[in-house]
Structures are given as structure tokens and as C-alpha cells.
Amino acid sequence: MQEKKSWQNNDLWAEEIDCLKSIISKTPLLETTKWGGIVYTYKNKNIVGIGGFKSYFGLWFFNGAFLKDTAAVLVSGNEATKAQRQIRFQSIEEIDETLILNYINEAIQLEEQGKVHKAEKTPLVLSSFFETFLNDHPEVKSAFEAFTLTKKKEFVEFIDTAKQEKTKLSRLEKITPMILEGIGLNDKYRK
């Protein structure tokens, strides 16, 4: 049995979700399931998702920040989803098929043009503790610098989340051989 996500309330809006699905079926998008929800793709790229929540149901456009939003119906979900935009509904009567198809077709055109939101990379910030360690151990520093930004950040977080210095030292002992061997902290979990 598939685990139900706390945000997934499609059963509250079954008729409304079916209505949105029937509209989307008139486009070249393919339905799939991602993150436990309904997502529609175009050439294997996420275009739009549909789902129900406690107080509304709706569509979310993965690169909605690029849509013109001539009808002023798009809302930003939250700060973490910088590019996503949603159209929210409280009743089936609010669904405007022509409007939805226009937004979906524009989203497909944007995908064809290669307009996608690129996540901003945050810079690597070393704590003075870790930086001092690396400066005192040039061979470890050299091996550390060969890692990708993501892997470097994993090591930094592992060290910096320790509250006590003895824990930081214990963690340094653990990761030093990994760094020297070119093994990322979480490599065993990657495919």
C-alpha cells in the first residue's frame, strides 16, 4: 500500500482533479507520478502538476515564473519553490478550460525555448575550525578541493553541525581517510 503524503488530499477533490486531468489530456503532456503526486511532462521535462490540499486544489507550473500570467491567477507557493507558480481553485465552477490550456501551451513553448529556472548555487562557507584543519593538512586540503561543491558542503555541514569540539575532532578523524581516498561523505547512498 502506498504511503499517503500529508499534503496529498486528492480524495477531497476527486471530481475536480478528474476535471483538470480531462483538460490536460487535450495537450501533448504525459501523465506520470512523482513525489507521490500527479505530474505531467513534455519530452521528459516536468511542466505541470495537479493535486488537492485541505483548502484548495490546483495546478502548479514548474517554471511558472516565466509565464506571462495575463489573467493574474498565478501565486507563488513558497520561498523554497522560486520558479513554481500555482493556480488555486476552491470549486469546480472556477475551472476555466480555455485559460488552463493557454497557460499549459505557454509552459510547453517555454520548455521548447529552453527557459528553465536555474537554482542559485550558494557559496561554500568554511568554518574557521574546518579551514584551520585544512590549512594545517595540505594533502587533505588538496584532496578536499577536488570534490564537487555539493560534496564539499556535505563535509562542511557534517563538521559544523557538531556542537562540541571533541565531536568535531572525532568527525574529522572519520572523514579524513574518506577525503584522501576521494570518497564523498554520502557516496554510499548515491547510485
Protein backbone atom coordinates (compact mmCIF):
# COMPACT_ATOMS: atom_id res chain seq x y z
CA MET A 1 0.00 0.00 0.00
CA GLN A 2 1.37 3.40 -0.99
CA GLU A 3 2.01 5.78 1.89
CA LYS A 4 -0.18 8.89 1.75
CA LYS A 5 1.69 12.16 1.98
CA SER A 6 0.36 14.72 4.45
CA TRP A 7 -0.08 17.28 1.65
CA GLN A 8 -1.89 14.87 -0.64
CA ASN A 9 -5.66 15.37 -0.33
CA ASN A 10 -6.75 14.36 -3.82
CA ASP A 11 -9.59 12.29 -2.35
CA LEU A 12 -11.20 15.51 -1.09
CA TRP A 13 -11.28 16.86 -4.63
CA ALA A 14 -11.76 13.72 -6.77
CA GLU A 15 -14.26 15.23 -9.22
CA GLU A 16 -12.27 18.45 -9.53
CA ILE A 17 -8.97 16.60 -10.11
CA ASP A 18 -10.66 14.45 -12.78
CA CYS A 19 -11.87 17.65 -14.47
CA LEU A 20 -8.31 19.07 -14.55
CA LYS A 21 -6.99 15.74 -15.86
CA SER A 22 -9.54 15.75 -18.69
CA ILE A 23 -8.42 19.26 -19.70
CA ILE A 24 -4.73 18.33 -19.61
CA SER A 25 -5.46 15.22 -21.70
CA LYS A 26 -6.11 17.63 -24.62
CA THR A 27 -2.42 18.59 -24.62
CA PRO A 28 0.68 16.63 -25.64
CA LEU A 29 1.68 16.20 -21.98
CA LEU A 30 2.18 12.74 -20.49
CA GLU A 31 0.86 11.87 -17.04
CA THR A 32 3.25 10.36 -14.52
CA THR A 33 3.60 10.11 -10.75
CA LYS A 34 6.42 11.94 -8.99
CA TRP A 35 6.86 12.63 -5.29
CA GLY A 36 3.57 10.83 -4.72
CA GLY A 37 1.62 13.29 -6.88
CA ILE A 38 0.32 13.68 -10.41
CA VAL A 39 2.84 15.37 -12.72
CA TYR A 40 2.62 16.00 -16.45
CA THR A 41 5.77 16.02 -18.57
CA TYR A 42 6.78 17.12 -22.03
CA LYS A 43 9.86 15.45 -23.53
CA ASN A 44 10.66 14.12 -20.04
CA LYS A 45 10.58 17.62 -18.50
CA ASN A 46 8.16 18.50 -15.70
CA ILE A 47 5.59 21.03 -16.92
CA VAL A 48 2.61 20.97 -14.58
CA GLY A 49 1.36 19.07 -11.56
CA ILE A 50 -2.12 18.75 -10.13
CA GLY A 51 -3.22 17.98 -6.64
CA GLY A 52 -5.58 18.60 -3.80
CA PHE A 53 -4.84 20.20 -0.47
CA LYS A 54 -7.01 20.80 2.59
CA SER A 55 -8.47 24.12 1.49
CA TYR A 56 -7.93 24.10 -2.28
CA PHE A 57 -6.96 22.06 -5.33
CA GLY A 58 -4.94 23.28 -8.23
CA LEU A 59 -2.24 23.24 -10.83
CA TRP A 60 1.37 24.11 -10.31
CA PHE A 61 3.69 25.05 -13.13
CA PHE A 62 7.29 24.03 -12.55
CA ASN A 63 8.66 27.03 -14.47
CA GLY A 64 5.67 29.25 -13.82
CA ALA A 65 7.85 32.26 -13.01
CA PHE A 66 8.36 32.63 -16.78
CA LEU A 67 4.65 32.59 -17.64
CA LYS A 68 3.14 35.95 -18.66
CA ASP A 69 0.17 35.48 -16.28
CA THR A 70 -2.09 37.78 -18.27
CA ALA A 71 -5.09 36.73 -16.14
CA ALA A 72 -3.18 37.38 -12.89
CA VAL A 73 -4.11 33.98 -11.45
CA LEU A 74 -0.69 32.60 -10.54
CA VAL A 75 0.56 32.57 -6.96
CA SER A 76 3.95 31.61 -5.61
CA GLY A 77 3.74 28.52 -3.42
CA ASN A 78 6.54 29.41 -1.01
CA GLU A 79 10.08 30.78 -0.85
CA ALA A 80 11.65 27.36 -1.47
CA THR A 81 9.98 26.99 -4.87
CA LYS A 82 11.31 30.08 -6.61
CA ALA A 83 10.23 29.09 -10.14
CA GLN A 84 6.94 27.32 -9.39
CA ARG A 85 3.63 29.09 -9.67
CA GLN A 86 0.18 27.77 -8.81
CA ILE A 87 -3.37 28.31 -9.93
CA ARG A 88 -5.61 27.55 -6.96
CA PHE A 89 -9.31 26.68 -7.01
CA GLN A 90 -11.90 26.22 -4.28
CA SER A 91 -14.64 24.82 -6.53
CA ILE A 92 -15.11 23.12 -9.88
CA GLU A 93 -17.03 26.18 -11.12
CA GLU A 94 -13.80 28.22 -11.00
CA ILE A 95 -12.11 25.99 -13.59
CA ASP A 96 -11.70 27.81 -16.93
CA GLU A 97 -10.62 25.28 -19.56
CA THR A 98 -9.53 27.88 -22.12
CA LEU A 99 -7.41 29.72 -19.56
CA ILE A 100 -5.77 26.49 -18.34
CA LEU A 101 -4.99 25.34 -21.87
CA ASN A 102 -3.47 28.74 -22.69
CA TYR A 103 -1.18 28.55 -19.64
CA ILE A 104 -0.19 24.95 -20.38
CA ASN A 105 0.55 25.74 -24.03
CA GLU A 106 2.68 28.71 -22.98
CA ALA A 107 4.53 26.48 -20.49
CA ILE A 108 5.23 23.97 -23.27
CA GLN A 109 6.52 26.77 -25.54
CA LEU A 110 8.82 27.99 -22.74
CA GLU A 111 10.18 24.45 -22.38
CA GLU A 112 10.77 24.30 -26.15
CA GLN A 113 12.70 27.59 -25.88
CA GLY A 114 14.79 26.17 -23.04
CA LYS A 115 13.51 28.65 -20.46
CA VAL A 116 14.11 27.00 -17.13
CA HIS A 117 14.89 28.34 -13.72
CA LYS A 118 18.43 27.57 -12.67
CA ALA A 119 18.85 27.08 -8.95
CA GLU A 120 21.22 29.56 -7.41
CA LYS A 121 24.35 27.97 -6.04
CA THR A 122 25.22 29.15 -2.58
CA PRO A 123 28.93 29.62 -1.99
CA LEU A 124 30.92 27.26 0.16
CA VAL A 125 31.49 28.75 3.60
CA LEU A 126 34.11 27.07 5.73
CA SER A 127 34.05 27.48 9.47
CA SER A 128 37.31 28.74 10.96
CA PHE A 129 37.65 25.34 12.67
CA PHE A 130 37.50 23.36 9.42
CA GLU A 131 39.52 25.91 7.46
CA THR A 132 42.30 25.79 10.06
CA PHE A 133 42.31 22.00 9.88
CA LEU A 134 42.60 22.04 6.08
CA ASN A 135 45.38 24.66 6.16
CA ASP A 136 47.28 22.54 8.68
CA HIS A 137 46.92 19.43 6.47
CA PRO A 138 47.80 20.40 2.87
CA GLU A 139 47.31 16.88 1.47
CA VAL A 140 43.77 16.75 2.90
CA LYS A 141 43.10 20.27 1.63
CA SER A 142 44.24 19.33 -1.87
CA ALA A 143 42.03 16.22 -1.90
CA PHE A 144 39.09 18.20 -0.46
CA GLU A 145 39.35 20.82 -3.21
CA ALA A 146 38.97 18.08 -5.85
CA PHE A 147 35.39 17.35 -4.69
CA THR A 148 32.29 18.90 -6.23
CA LEU A 149 30.68 21.83 -4.44
CA THR A 150 27.87 19.59 -3.20
CA LYS A 151 30.23 17.05 -1.69
CA LYS A 152 32.32 19.79 -0.07
CA LYS A 153 29.16 21.23 1.50
CA GLU A 154 28.24 17.80 2.89
CA PHE A 155 31.61 17.53 4.64
CA VAL A 156 31.40 21.10 5.96
CA GLU A 157 27.89 20.55 7.33
CA PHE A 158 28.96 17.27 8.94
CA ILE A 159 31.73 19.04 10.84
CA ASP A 160 29.93 22.29 11.60
CA THR A 161 26.76 20.70 12.99
CA ALA A 162 28.75 19.21 15.87
CA LYS A 163 28.33 21.38 18.96
CA GLN A 164 31.36 20.28 20.93
CA GLU A 165 34.94 20.49 19.78
CA LYS A 166 35.60 16.87 20.78
CA THR A 167 32.76 15.79 18.46
CA LYS A 168 34.19 17.91 15.65
CA LEU A 169 37.59 16.28 16.17
CA SER A 170 36.02 12.81 16.18
CA ARG A 171 34.21 13.62 12.92
CA LEU A 172 37.42 14.93 11.37
CA GLU A 173 39.09 11.61 12.20
CA LYS A 174 36.27 9.79 10.45
CA ILE A 175 36.22 11.86 7.25
CA THR A 176 39.95 12.45 6.73
CA PRO A 177 40.57 8.98 5.21
CA MET A 178 37.45 9.39 3.07
CA ILE A 179 38.64 12.73 1.73
CA LEU A 180 42.11 11.35 0.98
CA GLU A 181 40.55 8.40 -0.91
CA GLY A 182 38.21 10.67 -2.87
CA ILE A 183 35.10 9.19 -1.25
CA GLY A 184 32.25 11.61 -0.61
CA LEU A 185 30.51 11.60 2.75
CA ASN A 186 27.23 10.31 1.26
CA ASP A 187 28.59 8.36 -1.73
CA LYS A 188 27.31 5.08 -0.37
CA TYR A 189 23.75 6.41 -0.73
CA ARG A 190 24.19 7.60 -4.31
CA LYS A 191 23.50 5.37 -7.27
